[in-house]
Amino acid sequence: MKPSNAKTLLFDLDGTLVDNFQALYRAYLHTAEQLGLKETVDFPTMRKLIGGSLSVTVPKLLGGDERVEEALKIFVDYFQTIMFEDLFLLPGAQWILESLKNKDYKLAVFTNKIAQNARSVCEHLQIAPYLDDIIGVGETPHRKPQPEFTRYALEHLKAEPETSLLIGDSPYDAEAAYSVNMPYGLVTTGTHTHDELVGLTPEPLGVFENLYTAGETLFNLDKPAPAHATLS
């Protein structure tokens, strides 16, 4: 199935377009140290928990510790000092955005990352010029997968669900899309495996190993020559 009538494309950020997981994990370890937590989760576990916004993720990482507000402040303050470290575009990110922009799609980042941090990341990685908007947490009281947040994004972009498409990497993205009856596709470069994503209901347009495959399958984009296939 191809999104032949799609005009507006919403991309998740972490795990879909960029990898910022190492900095997030370091911010978590710093927070745990500052709070004197003796037990911490490992990197794979933390990675699985990312996606629901920090207000959802941090309490899970604390393992029942009640100092959530203090932890959030420590985490956010420290993360902002290191968020450009170990940060990189995922395979196909720049290619798919540039290719789709050249085909006159309206493109936006739609993320549970704090909005200003999301803008800073996109500017740092030089993908902001391809984007018509960057929509993140803090601009409304809502977050993915709440339908109010998806509706806010679509209204902000002057778009309709039936002519839009969301591409993400997690069940949060899937639910954010189908909560407003918007089609969606998923990549396995982030928080969940193919087997964890393929069984979601309603079914995604596809579960892809990376954005190259998504671009070829969903939009008939021509993949770069093999010599450049590993570039973002």
Protein backbone atom coordinates (compact mmCIF):
# COMPACT_ATOMS: atom_id res chain seq x y z
CA MET A 1 0.00 0.00 0.00
CA LYS A 2 1.32 3.44 -0.94
CA PRO A 3 0.27 6.79 0.53
CA SER A 4 -0.66 8.15 -2.91
CA ASN A 5 -2.76 10.99 -1.50
CA ALA A 6 -0.33 12.08 1.23
CA LYS A 7 0.68 15.73 1.11
CA THR A 8 1.94 16.28 4.66
CA LEU A 9 4.50 14.01 6.31
CA LEU A 10 5.21 13.97 10.04
CA PHE A 11 8.47 12.40 11.18
CA ASP A 12 9.30 11.34 14.70
CA LEU A 13 12.78 12.46 15.74
CA ASP A 14 14.65 10.17 18.18
CA GLY A 15 15.01 6.70 16.71
CA THR A 16 13.53 7.74 13.37
CA LEU A 17 15.62 10.62 12.01
CA VAL A 18 18.34 10.87 14.65
CA ASP A 19 20.14 8.84 17.28
CA ASN A 20 20.45 10.78 20.54
CA PHE A 21 20.26 7.77 22.83
CA GLN A 22 23.79 7.88 24.26
CA ALA A 23 23.36 11.44 25.48
CA LEU A 24 19.97 10.55 26.95
CA TYR A 25 21.50 7.62 28.79
CA ARG A 26 24.35 9.73 30.13
CA ALA A 27 21.81 12.28 31.36
CA TYR A 28 19.95 9.49 33.12
CA LEU A 29 23.13 8.16 34.79
CA HIS A 30 24.03 11.69 35.90
CA THR A 31 20.55 12.12 37.36
CA ALA A 32 20.75 8.79 39.18
CA GLU A 33 24.14 9.74 40.62
CA GLN A 34 22.89 13.14 41.80
CA LEU A 35 19.92 11.50 43.51
CA GLY A 36 22.09 8.81 45.07
CA LEU A 37 20.26 5.93 43.39
CA LYS A 38 22.12 2.68 43.94
CA GLU A 39 20.50 0.71 41.13
CA THR A 40 20.31 1.89 37.53
CA VAL A 41 18.85 0.39 34.38
CA ASP A 42 21.16 -0.59 31.54
CA PHE A 43 21.31 1.11 28.15
CA PRO A 44 19.08 -1.36 26.25
CA THR A 45 16.39 -1.05 28.91
CA MET A 46 16.53 2.75 28.86
CA ARG A 47 16.34 2.75 25.08
CA LYS A 48 13.12 0.70 25.19
CA LEU A 49 11.56 3.23 27.56
CA ILE A 50 12.29 6.29 25.42
CA GLY A 51 9.43 7.70 23.37
CA GLY A 52 6.70 8.69 25.78
CA SER A 53 8.34 12.05 26.71
CA LEU A 54 10.60 12.64 29.70
CA SER A 55 7.66 13.13 32.06
CA VAL A 56 6.69 9.52 31.31
CA THR A 57 10.16 8.00 30.91
CA VAL A 58 11.97 9.48 33.91
CA PRO A 59 9.56 8.09 36.55
CA LYS A 60 10.00 4.63 35.01
CA LEU A 61 13.78 5.01 35.17
CA LEU A 62 13.62 6.03 38.82
CA GLY A 63 12.19 2.66 39.83
CA GLY A 64 9.60 4.01 42.22
CA ASP A 65 11.62 6.89 43.64
CA GLU A 66 9.23 9.77 44.33
CA ARG A 67 11.63 12.62 43.50
CA VAL A 68 10.28 12.96 39.96
CA GLU A 69 10.24 16.76 39.69
CA GLU A 70 13.78 17.04 41.04
CA ALA A 71 14.92 14.27 38.68
CA LEU A 72 13.33 15.92 35.66
CA LYS A 73 15.10 19.21 36.37
CA ILE A 74 18.48 17.51 36.85
CA PHE A 75 17.97 15.43 33.71
CA VAL A 76 16.87 18.30 31.45
CA ASP A 77 19.53 20.73 32.69
CA TYR A 78 22.33 18.22 32.18
CA PHE A 79 21.03 16.88 28.87
CA GLN A 80 21.02 20.37 27.40
CA THR A 81 24.77 20.60 28.03
CA ILE A 82 25.58 17.31 26.22
CA MET A 83 22.80 16.76 23.67
CA PHE A 84 25.07 17.33 20.68
CA GLU A 85 27.53 14.66 21.87
CA ASP A 86 27.22 11.23 20.23
CA LEU A 87 24.40 12.67 18.11
CA PHE A 88 24.03 11.55 14.51
CA LEU A 89 21.53 11.21 11.68
CA LEU A 90 20.16 7.74 11.12
CA PRO A 91 20.64 6.03 7.72
CA GLY A 92 18.61 7.74 5.01
CA ALA A 93 17.47 10.71 7.13
CA GLN A 94 18.94 13.55 5.09
CA TRP A 95 18.27 11.71 1.83
CA ILE A 96 14.57 11.12 2.49
CA LEU A 97 13.95 14.67 3.73
CA GLU A 98 15.78 16.26 0.80
CA SER A 99 14.12 13.95 -1.73
CA LEU A 100 10.62 14.54 -0.37
CA LYS A 101 11.16 18.29 -0.10
CA ASN A 102 12.10 18.31 -3.78
CA LYS A 103 8.76 16.63 -4.49
CA ASP A 104 6.91 19.45 -2.68
CA TYR A 105 5.70 17.49 0.33
CA LYS A 106 5.07 19.48 3.50
CA LEU A 107 7.49 18.05 6.09
CA ALA A 108 7.52 18.35 9.85
CA VAL A 109 9.16 16.80 12.88
CA PHE A 110 6.56 15.62 15.40
CA THR A 111 8.26 14.54 18.58
CA ASN A 112 7.97 13.99 22.31
CA LYS A 113 11.32 15.71 22.70
CA ILE A 114 11.15 19.14 24.33
CA ALA A 115 10.38 21.50 21.44
CA GLN A 116 13.42 23.76 21.84
CA ASN A 117 15.76 20.78 22.15
CA ALA A 118 14.24 19.28 19.02
CA ARG A 119 14.82 22.51 17.10
CA SER A 120 18.41 22.70 18.34
CA VAL A 121 19.09 19.09 17.29
CA CYS A 122 17.63 19.63 13.81
CA GLU A 123 19.60 22.83 13.33
CA HIS A 124 22.82 21.21 14.57
CA LEU A 125 22.42 18.30 12.14
CA GLN A 126 21.46 20.70 9.34
CA ILE A 127 18.07 19.16 8.54
CA ALA A 128 15.99 22.13 9.70
CA PRO A 129 15.98 23.72 6.19
CA TYR A 130 14.01 20.73 4.86
CA LEU A 131 11.32 21.09 7.51
CA ASP A 132 8.24 23.27 7.42
CA ASP A 133 7.84 22.95 11.17
CA ILE A 134 9.26 21.27 14.28
CA ILE A 135 6.58 20.38 16.80
CA GLY A 136 7.58 19.13 20.24
CA VAL A 137 6.52 18.78 23.84
CA GLY A 138 5.92 21.93 25.84
CA GLU A 139 4.00 23.79 23.15
CA THR A 140 0.76 22.22 24.45
CA PRO A 141 -0.13 20.28 27.61
CA HIS A 142 -0.19 17.12 25.49
CA ARG A 143 2.25 14.54 24.12
CA LYS A 144 2.18 11.47 21.88
CA PRO A 145 0.13 9.31 21.82
CA GLN A 146 -2.60 11.68 23.00
CA PRO A 147 -4.87 12.51 20.05
CA GLU A 148 -4.99 16.14 21.14
CA PHE A 149 -1.28 16.46 20.36
CA THR A 150 -1.68 14.91 16.91
CA ARG A 151 -4.63 17.18 16.16
CA TYR A 152 -2.60 20.17 17.31
CA ALA A 153 0.19 19.23 14.92
CA LEU A 154 -2.17 18.78 11.98
CA GLU A 155 -3.97 22.04 12.70
CA HIS A 156 -0.64 23.82 13.02
CA LEU A 157 0.36 22.45 9.60
CA LYS A 158 -3.08 23.14 8.11
CA ALA A 159 -3.32 19.46 7.21
CA GLU A 160 -5.94 16.72 7.37
CA PRO A 161 -5.39 13.16 8.68
CA GLU A 162 -6.47 11.53 5.41
CA THR A 163 -3.85 13.44 3.42
CA SER A 164 -1.08 13.07 5.98
CA LEU A 165 1.30 10.29 7.03
CA LEU A 166 3.35 9.74 10.17
CA ILE A 167 6.67 7.89 10.15
CA GLY A 168 8.04 6.80 13.51
CA ASP A 169 9.71 3.97 15.38
CA SER A 170 7.45 3.05 18.28
CA PRO A 171 3.94 2.11 19.38
CA TYR A 172 3.64 5.68 20.68
CA ASP A 173 3.93 6.89 17.08
CA ALA A 174 1.49 4.28 15.86
CA GLU A 175 -1.13 5.22 18.45
CA ALA A 176 -0.61 8.94 17.83
CA ALA A 177 -1.42 8.36 14.16
CA TYR A 178 -4.31 5.93 14.37
CA SER A 179 -5.96 7.90 17.20
CA VAL A 180 -6.93 10.41 14.49
CA ASN A 181 -7.22 7.85 11.65
CA MET A 182 -3.97 8.93 10.01
CA PRO A 183 -1.93 6.29 8.15
CA TYR A 184 1.54 5.55 9.44
CA GLY A 185 4.74 3.65 8.73
CA LEU A 186 7.46 2.52 11.13
CA VAL A 187 11.21 1.96 11.07
CA THR A 188 13.23 -0.39 13.28
CA THR A 189 16.18 1.98 13.79
CA GLY A 190 14.92 3.13 17.19
CA THR A 191 13.25 1.62 20.20
CA HIS A 192 11.46 -1.50 18.92
CA THR A 193 12.15 -4.51 16.74
CA HIS A 194 10.32 -5.59 13.60
CA ASP A 195 8.44 -8.31 15.47
CA GLU A 196 7.31 -5.83 18.12
CA LEU A 197 5.96 -3.42 15.51
CA VAL A 198 4.53 -5.57 12.75
CA GLY A 199 1.61 -6.86 14.82
CA LEU A 200 0.13 -3.48 15.71
CA THR A 201 -3.51 -2.80 14.92
CA PRO A 202 -4.45 -1.18 12.65
CA GLU A 203 -1.51 -2.33 10.59
CA PRO A 204 1.15 0.16 9.52
CA LEU A 205 1.74 0.79 5.83
CA GLY A 206 5.00 -1.02 6.45
CA VAL A 207 7.71 -1.77 9.00
CA PHE A 208 11.06 -0.89 7.43
CA GLU A 209 14.66 -1.56 8.36
CA ASN A 210 15.60 2.06 7.73
CA LEU A 211 14.48 5.25 5.98
CA TYR A 212 16.04 4.17 2.69
CA THR A 213 13.67 1.23 2.49
CA ALA A 214 10.75 3.38 3.66
CA GLY A 215 11.50 6.00 1.02
CA GLU A 216 11.77 3.47 -1.78
CA THR A 217 8.62 1.58 -0.80
CA LEU A 218 6.30 4.37 0.27
CA PHE A 219 7.33 7.16 -2.08
CA ASN A 220 9.12 5.47 -5.00
CA LEU A 221 12.28 7.42 -4.23
CA ASP A 222 15.49 6.40 -5.96
CA LYS A 223 17.97 5.13 -3.42
CA PRO A 224 21.47 6.63 -3.74
CA ALA A 225 24.20 4.64 -5.43
CA PRO A 226 25.76 1.90 -3.21
CA ALA A 227 28.88 3.95 -2.58
CA HIS A 228 26.77 6.52 -0.75
CA ALA A 229 24.20 4.21 0.81
CA THR A 230 25.71 4.44 4.28
CA LEU A 231 25.53 8.21 4.34
CA SER A 232 22.62 9.90 6.10
